[in-house]
Amino acid sequence: MKPPKIVLLTDFSPLSMVAIRFALKLAGPLKAEFTILNIVRIEGPSKANMKLKQIEKMMVTAAQEEGEAMIKELRTEIKGDYQLKFKAVQGHTVTREVIAFTEKNPTNMVVMGSRGASALKKARMGGTTVSVIDDAEVPVLAIPEFAQYKNLEKIVYASDLKNVQKELEILIEFAQIYGSHIHMIHVVPVLDKKTEIARQAVDELIHKMKYTKLDFRVIIDENIPAAIDQFIKDTKADLLTTFTHHLNIFEKLFARSVTRTLAYLGTIPLLALKRK
């Protein structure tokens, strides 16, 4: 297994430090190559562009110095045979710069902090974390503000029963690294014949895959995010995983995405993988 290449987003806030520490403990033992990425943003009227560029350059230099100090602190705190570097870049939005950086640099995962949002913000285009999950092609691990890495004993996989085999193959490969148990769940308002047929097909697939730490359950509930959140609490899960797709403007405006809602709930770390 090649060492994973992981991007850690920071704005130097306590929340971003929680996410960075979590990621270092999660992937440090895998000899991961971490890049702590800080995006410097400054906006103003076009006539002041020259002055703004000078200010922005100073901010990048200051961020780089603060980042180097951060690396020294983290290396003292979290020992391990991993690589860690810091990079400050200029940009207009976090999402745009994350996409640009990951397109130019091989990246296995982006890690960032996640904080709950108000109902108004949910109804609009969403916060930074949700925006990155929506638009980035690479997996995004969103870490809530009170998360502390202990282990990945239990992983909840919330499935819509599309592309199950391919998605399970990806998750099993990930779970085997940590010896995790995968709890696969599918939430539906009612149990109909179509769902029952799908459940039987999944049961047969799981049997063929021969990963012993894997079970599947259909949950009947009209509120899908709430049912998933309750299952997480009942099982004391360590990680939630979902597979997402590119949302159209209607879905974004009206928050028509279970993953977006779960990112806002933020009870445990959420690993969102893009469905190809």
Protein backbone atom coordinates (compact mmCIF):
# COMPACT_ATOMS: atom_id res chain seq x y z
CA MET A 1 0.00 0.00 0.00
CA LYS A 2 1.35 3.39 -1.03
CA PRO A 3 1.39 6.13 1.64
CA PRO A 4 -1.82 8.17 1.23
CA LYS A 5 -1.56 11.83 0.26
CA ILE A 6 -3.87 13.91 2.44
CA VAL A 7 -4.74 17.61 2.37
CA LEU A 8 -5.59 19.20 5.72
CA LEU A 9 -7.46 22.50 5.47
CA THR A 10 -6.78 25.14 8.12
CA ASP A 11 -7.80 28.68 8.93
CA PHE A 12 -5.82 28.44 12.20
CA SER A 13 -9.07 28.10 14.17
CA PRO A 14 -9.48 25.62 17.05
CA LEU A 15 -11.92 23.65 14.87
CA SER A 16 -9.39 23.17 12.08
CA MET A 17 -6.80 22.04 14.64
CA VAL A 18 -9.25 19.38 15.89
CA ALA A 19 -9.53 18.09 12.32
CA ILE A 20 -5.77 18.15 11.76
CA ARG A 21 -5.01 16.24 14.96
CA PHE A 22 -7.70 13.68 14.11
CA ALA A 23 -6.23 13.11 10.64
CA LEU A 24 -2.65 12.79 11.89
CA LYS A 25 -3.68 10.11 14.37
CA LEU A 26 -5.84 8.36 11.77
CA ALA A 27 -3.37 8.24 8.88
CA GLY A 28 -0.01 8.98 10.51
CA PRO A 29 0.62 5.27 11.18
CA LEU A 30 0.17 4.68 7.43
CA LYS A 31 3.17 6.96 6.79
CA ALA A 32 0.85 9.43 5.10
CA GLU A 33 2.06 12.53 3.29
CA PHE A 34 0.14 15.47 4.75
CA THR A 35 -0.14 18.96 3.28
CA ILE A 36 -1.67 21.57 5.58
CA LEU A 37 -3.34 24.04 3.24
CA ASN A 38 -4.30 27.59 4.22
CA ILE A 39 -6.22 29.74 1.74
CA VAL A 40 -5.60 33.46 2.07
CA ARG A 41 -8.55 35.50 0.87
CA ILE A 42 -8.90 39.26 0.57
CA GLU A 43 -11.40 41.22 -1.51
CA GLY A 44 -11.81 44.87 -2.39
CA PRO A 45 -12.60 47.34 -5.20
CA SER A 46 -10.76 46.85 -8.47
CA LYS A 47 -9.04 50.26 -8.27
CA ALA A 48 -7.21 49.09 -5.15
CA ASN A 49 -5.94 45.88 -6.79
CA MET A 50 -2.26 46.78 -6.55
CA LYS A 51 -2.50 47.62 -2.87
CA LEU A 52 -4.57 44.51 -2.22
CA LYS A 53 -1.99 42.34 -3.91
CA GLN A 54 0.70 43.74 -1.61
CA ILE A 55 -1.46 43.09 1.43
CA GLU A 56 -2.27 39.60 0.20
CA LYS A 57 1.42 38.83 -0.31
CA MET A 58 2.14 39.92 3.26
CA MET A 59 -0.72 37.75 4.53
CA VAL A 60 0.63 34.70 2.68
CA THR A 61 4.07 35.26 4.21
CA ALA A 62 2.56 35.61 7.68
CA ALA A 63 0.47 32.49 7.18
CA GLN A 64 3.51 30.53 6.04
CA GLU A 65 5.40 31.53 9.19
CA GLU A 66 2.45 30.59 11.40
CA GLY A 67 2.12 27.31 9.52
CA GLU A 68 5.75 26.36 10.07
CA ALA A 69 5.30 27.00 13.80
CA MET A 70 2.18 24.82 13.72
CA ILE A 71 4.12 21.96 12.13
CA LYS A 72 6.78 22.07 14.87
CA GLU A 73 4.07 21.95 17.54
CA LEU A 74 2.23 19.06 15.88
CA ARG A 75 5.38 17.00 15.38
CA THR A 76 6.21 17.38 19.08
CA GLU A 77 2.67 16.40 20.08
CA ILE A 78 1.94 13.56 17.62
CA LYS A 79 4.90 11.29 16.96
CA GLY A 80 5.10 9.15 13.86
CA ASP A 81 6.82 8.36 10.60
CA TYR A 82 4.71 10.66 8.46
CA GLN A 83 5.47 13.63 6.23
CA LEU A 84 4.03 17.02 7.08
CA LYS A 85 4.33 20.30 5.20
CA PHE A 86 2.47 23.60 5.10
CA LYS A 87 1.38 25.66 2.12
CA ALA A 88 -0.42 29.01 2.01
CA VAL A 89 -2.13 29.96 -1.26
CA GLN A 90 -4.06 32.99 -2.48
CA GLY A 91 -7.64 32.44 -3.55
CA HIS A 92 -11.19 33.75 -3.71
CA THR A 93 -13.07 30.76 -2.27
CA VAL A 94 -11.99 27.71 -0.30
CA THR A 95 -13.83 25.32 -2.58
CA ARG A 96 -12.29 26.69 -5.77
CA GLU A 97 -8.76 26.51 -4.35
CA VAL A 98 -9.27 23.00 -2.97
CA ILE A 99 -10.40 21.83 -6.40
CA ALA A 100 -7.46 23.56 -8.10
CA PHE A 101 -4.93 22.14 -5.62
CA THR A 102 -6.24 18.57 -5.78
CA GLU A 103 -6.34 18.66 -9.59
CA LYS A 104 -2.66 19.61 -9.70
CA ASN A 105 -1.49 17.44 -6.80
CA PRO A 106 -2.39 13.75 -6.34
CA THR A 107 -4.72 13.63 -3.32
CA ASN A 108 -6.41 10.67 -1.65
CA MET A 109 -8.45 12.69 0.84
CA VAL A 110 -9.26 16.22 2.01
CA VAL A 111 -9.80 16.68 5.75
CA MET A 112 -11.53 19.71 7.25
CA GLY A 113 -13.49 20.78 10.29
CA SER A 114 -17.28 20.80 10.23
CA ARG A 115 -19.59 22.92 12.32
CA GLY A 116 -23.39 22.83 12.34
CA ALA A 117 -25.27 25.57 10.54
CA SER A 118 -28.49 27.48 11.02
CA ALA A 119 -31.69 26.53 9.22
CA LEU A 120 -31.31 29.59 6.99
CA LYS A 121 -27.82 28.61 5.93
CA LYS A 122 -28.96 25.04 5.25
CA ALA A 123 -31.71 26.37 2.98
CA ARG A 124 -29.21 28.30 0.88
CA MET A 125 -26.03 27.14 -0.80
CA GLY A 126 -24.51 25.76 2.39
CA GLY A 127 -21.31 26.29 4.34
CA THR A 128 -17.73 25.75 3.30
CA THR A 129 -17.55 22.09 4.31
CA VAL A 130 -20.72 21.19 2.45
CA SER A 131 -19.55 23.15 -0.59
CA VAL A 132 -16.28 21.21 -0.72
CA ILE A 133 -18.16 17.91 -0.32
CA ASP A 134 -20.49 18.91 -3.17
CA ASP A 135 -17.85 19.99 -5.67
CA ALA A 136 -14.53 18.26 -4.93
CA GLU A 137 -13.80 15.05 -6.81
CA VAL A 138 -11.72 13.53 -4.00
CA PRO A 139 -13.08 12.00 -0.76
CA VAL A 140 -13.74 14.56 1.97
CA LEU A 141 -13.50 13.74 5.68
CA ALA A 142 -15.48 16.27 7.74
CA ILE A 143 -14.57 16.38 11.43
CA PRO A 144 -17.01 17.88 13.97
CA GLU A 145 -15.65 20.22 16.63
CA PHE A 146 -15.67 17.79 19.56
CA ALA A 147 -14.26 14.75 17.75
CA GLN A 148 -11.30 12.89 19.22
CA TYR A 149 -9.65 10.03 17.39
CA LYS A 150 -9.71 6.74 19.31
CA ASN A 151 -10.20 4.08 16.68
CA LEU A 152 -12.42 3.13 13.77
CA GLU A 153 -14.03 0.13 15.39
CA LYS A 154 -17.47 0.80 13.89
CA ILE A 155 -18.21 2.36 10.50
CA VAL A 156 -21.77 3.17 9.43
CA TYR A 157 -22.33 3.04 5.67
CA ALA A 158 -25.56 4.81 4.71
CA SER A 159 -26.52 3.39 1.31
CA ASP A 160 -29.17 4.20 -1.27
CA LEU A 161 -28.58 0.69 -2.69
CA LYS A 162 -27.08 2.01 -5.93
CA ASN A 163 -23.68 0.68 -7.03
CA VAL A 164 -23.55 -1.41 -3.85
CA GLN A 165 -20.85 -3.85 -4.96
CA LYS A 166 -18.43 -1.18 -6.12
CA GLU A 167 -19.00 0.94 -3.02
CA LEU A 168 -18.63 -2.00 -0.65
CA GLU A 169 -15.36 -2.99 -2.32
CA ILE A 170 -14.01 0.49 -1.63
CA LEU A 171 -15.23 0.52 1.97
CA ILE A 172 -14.00 -3.00 2.76
CA GLU A 173 -10.53 -2.10 1.52
CA PHE A 174 -10.60 0.93 3.84
CA ALA A 175 -12.10 -0.99 6.79
CA GLN A 176 -9.51 -3.76 6.55
CA ILE A 177 -6.77 -1.26 7.34
CA TYR A 178 -8.30 -0.57 10.75
CA GLY A 179 -10.10 -3.87 11.36
CA SER A 180 -13.40 -2.00 11.35
CA HIS A 181 -16.91 -3.44 11.46
CA ILE A 182 -19.13 -2.02 8.70
CA HIS A 183 -22.78 -1.47 9.57
CA MET A 184 -24.53 -0.96 6.23
CA ILE A 185 -27.98 0.62 6.50
CA HIS A 186 -30.69 1.68 4.08
CA VAL A 187 -33.53 3.94 5.27
CA VAL A 188 -36.94 3.91 3.56
CA PRO A 189 -40.35 5.37 4.50
CA VAL A 190 -42.10 2.02 3.87
CA LEU A 191 -40.94 -1.51 3.18
CA ASP A 192 -42.25 -2.43 -0.26
CA LYS A 193 -41.61 -5.35 -2.63
CA LYS A 194 -38.86 -3.49 -4.51
CA THR A 195 -36.94 -2.81 -1.30
CA GLU A 196 -37.37 -6.40 -0.15
CA ILE A 197 -35.92 -7.69 -3.43
CA ALA A 198 -33.01 -5.27 -3.11
CA ARG A 199 -32.39 -6.39 0.47
CA GLN A 200 -32.18 -10.03 -0.59
CA ALA A 201 -29.72 -9.11 -3.35
CA VAL A 202 -27.52 -7.21 -0.87
CA ASP A 203 -27.60 -10.12 1.59
CA GLU A 204 -26.41 -12.46 -1.15
CA LEU A 205 -23.68 -10.01 -2.18
CA ILE A 206 -22.43 -9.66 1.40
CA HIS A 207 -22.26 -13.44 1.70
CA LYS A 208 -20.14 -13.66 -1.47
CA MET A 209 -17.77 -10.89 -0.36
CA LYS A 210 -16.82 -12.88 2.75
CA TYR A 211 -15.91 -9.87 4.90
CA THR A 212 -17.00 -11.17 8.30
CA LYS A 213 -17.24 -7.74 9.93
CA LEU A 214 -20.16 -6.59 7.80
CA ASP A 215 -23.90 -6.54 8.38
CA PHE A 216 -26.87 -4.97 6.60
CA ARG A 217 -30.11 -3.56 7.93
CA VAL A 218 -33.13 -1.83 6.41
CA ILE A 219 -34.61 0.88 8.64
CA ILE A 220 -38.16 2.12 8.15
CA ASP A 221 -38.42 5.85 8.83
CA GLU A 222 -39.70 8.85 6.89
CA ASN A 223 -36.90 11.10 8.18
CA ILE A 224 -33.78 9.60 6.63
CA PRO A 225 -31.12 11.87 8.24
CA ALA A 226 -32.72 11.54 11.69
CA ALA A 227 -32.87 7.74 11.38
CA ILE A 228 -29.20 7.57 10.38
CA ASP A 229 -28.22 9.87 13.23
CA GLN A 230 -30.15 7.73 15.73
CA PHE A 231 -28.51 4.55 14.42
CA ILE A 232 -25.10 6.19 14.88
CA LYS A 233 -25.95 6.96 18.50
CA ASP A 234 -27.38 3.50 19.17
CA THR A 235 -24.30 1.71 17.79
CA LYS A 236 -21.79 4.26 19.16
CA ALA A 237 -20.24 4.40 15.69
CA ASP A 238 -16.87 6.04 15.01
CA LEU A 239 -17.34 7.08 11.38
CA LEU A 240 -20.19 7.66 8.93
CA THR A 241 -19.62 7.11 5.21
CA THR A 242 -21.77 8.12 2.26
CA PHE A 243 -21.37 8.21 -1.51
CA THR A 244 -22.42 11.47 -3.13
CA HIS A 245 -23.11 12.79 -6.62
CA HIS A 246 -22.86 16.21 -8.22
CA LEU A 247 -25.93 18.20 -7.22
CA ASN A 248 -27.89 20.34 -9.66
CA ILE A 249 -28.81 23.91 -8.69
CA PHE A 250 -32.27 22.85 -7.52
CA GLU A 251 -30.82 20.27 -5.15
CA LYS A 252 -28.32 22.80 -3.78
CA LEU A 253 -30.88 25.56 -3.26
CA PHE A 254 -33.33 23.32 -1.45
CA ALA A 255 -30.75 21.14 0.35
CA ARG A 256 -32.04 18.02 -1.40
CA SER A 257 -29.17 15.88 -0.19
CA VAL A 258 -28.95 13.52 2.75
CA THR A 259 -25.16 13.95 2.86
CA ARG A 260 -25.49 17.73 3.17
CA THR A 261 -27.92 17.34 6.07
CA LEU A 262 -25.70 14.80 7.81
CA ALA A 263 -22.71 17.12 7.42
CA TYR A 264 -24.66 19.78 9.28
CA LEU A 265 -25.65 17.35 12.05
CA GLY A 266 -21.98 16.65 12.65
CA THR A 267 -22.28 14.11 15.47
CA ILE A 268 -19.33 11.97 14.26
CA PRO A 269 -16.78 12.31 11.45
CA LEU A 270 -18.31 12.01 7.98
CA LEU A 271 -16.40 10.50 5.06
CA ALA A 272 -18.07 11.57 1.81
CA LEU A 273 -16.88 9.77 -1.32
CA LYS A 274 -17.80 10.96 -4.78
CA ARG A 275 -19.77 8.49 -6.85
CA LYS A 276 -18.19 8.30 -10.29
